[in-house]
């Protein structure tokens, strides 16, 4: 897992994944797609996570395991800007 370099909004997620909004949220509910990061009233996704999901789908990998690992990495991430 790499650290996020760019946060993207839903239209860009749809573009990268080729999925419609409802499919994305259905997969989030089943643990097969990373949930968004919420900030204020906005929802963002780390672009690198979406690329990893697309690569996993292409390779026929286990999406649930990938998403679990992504969420664990989010929790363990410490910002270099944290005081």
C-alpha atoms as a PDB file:
ATOM      1  CA  UNK A   1       0.000   0.000   0.000  1.00  0.00           C
ATOM      2  CA  UNK A   2       1.309   3.401  -0.883  1.00  0.00           C
ATOM      3  CA  UNK A   3       0.387   6.592   0.882  1.00  0.00           C
ATOM      4  CA  UNK A   4      -2.268   8.715  -0.805  1.00  0.00           C
ATOM      5  CA  UNK A   5      -0.912  11.396  -3.057  1.00  0.00           C
ATOM      6  CA  UNK A   6      -4.217  12.671  -4.367  1.00  0.00           C
ATOM      7  CA  UNK A   7      -7.799  12.683  -3.122  1.00  0.00           C
ATOM      8  CA  UNK A   8     -10.488  12.424  -5.767  1.00  0.00           C
ATOM      9  CA  UNK A   9     -14.226  12.992  -5.822  1.00  0.00           C
ATOM     10  CA  UNK A  10     -16.960  10.585  -6.965  1.00  0.00           C
ATOM     11  CA  UNK A  11     -16.965  11.523 -10.678  1.00  0.00           C
ATOM     12  CA  UNK A  12     -13.243  10.729 -10.905  1.00  0.00           C
ATOM     13  CA  UNK A  13     -13.798   7.460  -8.988  1.00  0.00           C
ATOM     14  CA  UNK A  14     -16.507   6.536 -11.484  1.00  0.00           C
ATOM     15  CA  UNK A  15     -14.151   7.368 -14.344  1.00  0.00           C
ATOM     16  CA  UNK A  16     -11.275   5.293 -12.954  1.00  0.00           C
ATOM     17  CA  UNK A  17     -13.375   2.307 -11.927  1.00  0.00           C
ATOM     18  CA  UNK A  18     -15.895   2.309 -14.756  1.00  0.00           C
ATOM     19  CA  UNK A  19     -18.656   1.863 -12.161  1.00  0.00           C
ATOM     20  CA  UNK A  20     -21.781   3.888 -11.585  1.00  0.00           C
ATOM     21  CA  UNK A  21     -22.488   5.573  -8.260  1.00  0.00           C
ATOM     22  CA  UNK A  22     -24.925   2.898  -7.077  1.00  0.00           C
ATOM     23  CA  UNK A  23     -22.498   0.064  -7.870  1.00  0.00           C
ATOM     24  CA  UNK A  24     -19.743   1.807  -5.921  1.00  0.00           C
ATOM     25  CA  UNK A  25     -21.944   2.272  -2.844  1.00  0.00           C
ATOM     26  CA  UNK A  26     -23.310  -1.298  -3.111  1.00  0.00           C
ATOM     27  CA  UNK A  27     -19.730  -2.606  -3.139  1.00  0.00           C
ATOM     28  CA  UNK A  28     -18.823  -0.381  -0.178  1.00  0.00           C
ATOM     29  CA  UNK A  29     -21.713  -1.979   1.735  1.00  0.00           C
ATOM     30  CA  UNK A  30     -20.379  -5.488   0.973  1.00  0.00           C
ATOM     31  CA  UNK A  31     -16.755  -4.594   1.772  1.00  0.00           C
ATOM     32  CA  UNK A  32     -15.602  -4.833  -1.852  1.00  0.00           C
ATOM     33  CA  UNK A  33     -14.777  -1.146  -2.338  1.00  0.00           C
ATOM     34  CA  UNK A  34     -13.070   1.334  -0.011  1.00  0.00           C
ATOM     35  CA  UNK A  35     -15.405   3.828   1.640  1.00  0.00           C
ATOM     36  CA  UNK A  36     -14.780   7.515   1.118  1.00  0.00           C
ATOM     37  CA  UNK A  37     -12.833   9.711   3.480  1.00  0.00           C
ATOM     38  CA  UNK A  38     -15.246  12.310   4.837  1.00  0.00           C
ATOM     39  CA  UNK A  39     -14.154  15.901   5.332  1.00  0.00           C
ATOM     40  CA  UNK A  40     -16.772  18.422   6.336  1.00  0.00           C
ATOM     41  CA  UNK A  41     -19.662  17.609   3.988  1.00  0.00           C
ATOM     42  CA  UNK A  42     -17.457  16.221   1.230  1.00  0.00           C
ATOM     43  CA  UNK A  43     -16.472  12.666   0.344  1.00  0.00           C
ATOM     44  CA  UNK A  44     -13.069  11.877  -1.144  1.00  0.00           C
ATOM     45  CA  UNK A  45     -11.231   8.689  -2.084  1.00  0.00           C
ATOM     46  CA  UNK A  46      -7.462   8.241  -2.120  1.00  0.00           C
ATOM     47  CA  UNK A  47      -6.712   7.785  -5.815  1.00  0.00           C
ATOM     48  CA  UNK A  48      -4.126   5.064  -5.140  1.00  0.00           C
ATOM     49  CA  UNK A  49      -6.789   2.920  -3.406  1.00  0.00           C
ATOM     50  CA  UNK A  50      -9.082   3.083  -6.425  1.00  0.00           C
ATOM     51  CA  UNK A  51      -6.229   2.142  -8.762  1.00  0.00           C
ATOM     52  CA  UNK A  52      -5.433  -0.834  -6.474  1.00  0.00           C
ATOM     53  CA  UNK A  53      -9.085  -1.953  -6.586  1.00  0.00           C
ATOM     54  CA  UNK A  54      -9.175  -1.777 -10.382  1.00  0.00           C
ATOM     55  CA  UNK A  55      -5.908  -3.747 -10.577  1.00  0.00           C
ATOM     56  CA  UNK A  56      -7.292  -6.344  -8.133  1.00  0.00           C
ATOM     57  CA  UNK A  57     -10.475  -6.754 -10.198  1.00  0.00           C
ATOM     58  CA  UNK A  58      -8.401  -7.156 -13.357  1.00  0.00           C
ATOM     59  CA  UNK A  59      -6.154  -9.743 -11.683  1.00  0.00           C
ATOM     60  CA  UNK A  60      -9.098 -11.617 -10.160  1.00  0.00           C
ATOM     61  CA  UNK A  61      -7.889 -10.956  -6.617  1.00  0.00           C
ATOM     62  CA  UNK A  62      -9.782 -10.913  -3.327  1.00  0.00           C
ATOM     63  CA  UNK A  63     -11.385  -7.478  -3.086  1.00  0.00           C
ATOM     64  CA  UNK A  64     -12.502  -7.854   0.524  1.00  0.00           C
ATOM     65  CA  UNK A  65      -8.965  -8.636   1.677  1.00  0.00           C
ATOM     66  CA  UNK A  66      -7.598  -5.702  -0.309  1.00  0.00           C
ATOM     67  CA  UNK A  67     -10.149  -3.286   1.167  1.00  0.00           C
ATOM     68  CA  UNK A  68      -9.412  -4.573   4.702  1.00  0.00           C
ATOM     69  CA  UNK A  69      -5.708  -3.928   4.127  1.00  0.00           C
ATOM     70  CA  UNK A  70      -6.439  -0.455   2.736  1.00  0.00           C
ATOM     71  CA  UNK A  71      -8.543   0.488   5.761  1.00  0.00           C
ATOM     72  CA  UNK A  72      -5.868  -0.831   8.120  1.00  0.00           C
ATOM     73  CA  UNK A  73      -3.249   1.261   6.296  1.00  0.00           C
ATOM     74  CA  UNK A  74      -5.470   4.336   6.659  1.00  0.00           C
ATOM     75  CA  UNK A  75      -5.605   3.841  10.429  1.00  0.00           C
ATOM     76  CA  UNK A  76      -1.853   3.295  10.693  1.00  0.00           C
ATOM     77  CA  UNK A  77      -0.926   6.281   8.511  1.00  0.00           C
ATOM     78  CA  UNK A  78       0.691   9.146  10.366  1.00  0.00           C
ATOM     79  CA  UNK A  79       0.987  12.424   8.606  1.00  0.00           C
ATOM     80  CA  UNK A  80       4.468  13.873   8.341  1.00  0.00           C
ATOM     81  CA  UNK A  81       2.828  17.177   9.281  1.00  0.00           C
ATOM     82  CA  UNK A  82       1.396  15.950  12.588  1.00  0.00           C
ATOM     83  CA  UNK A  83       2.823  17.756  15.576  1.00  0.00           C
END
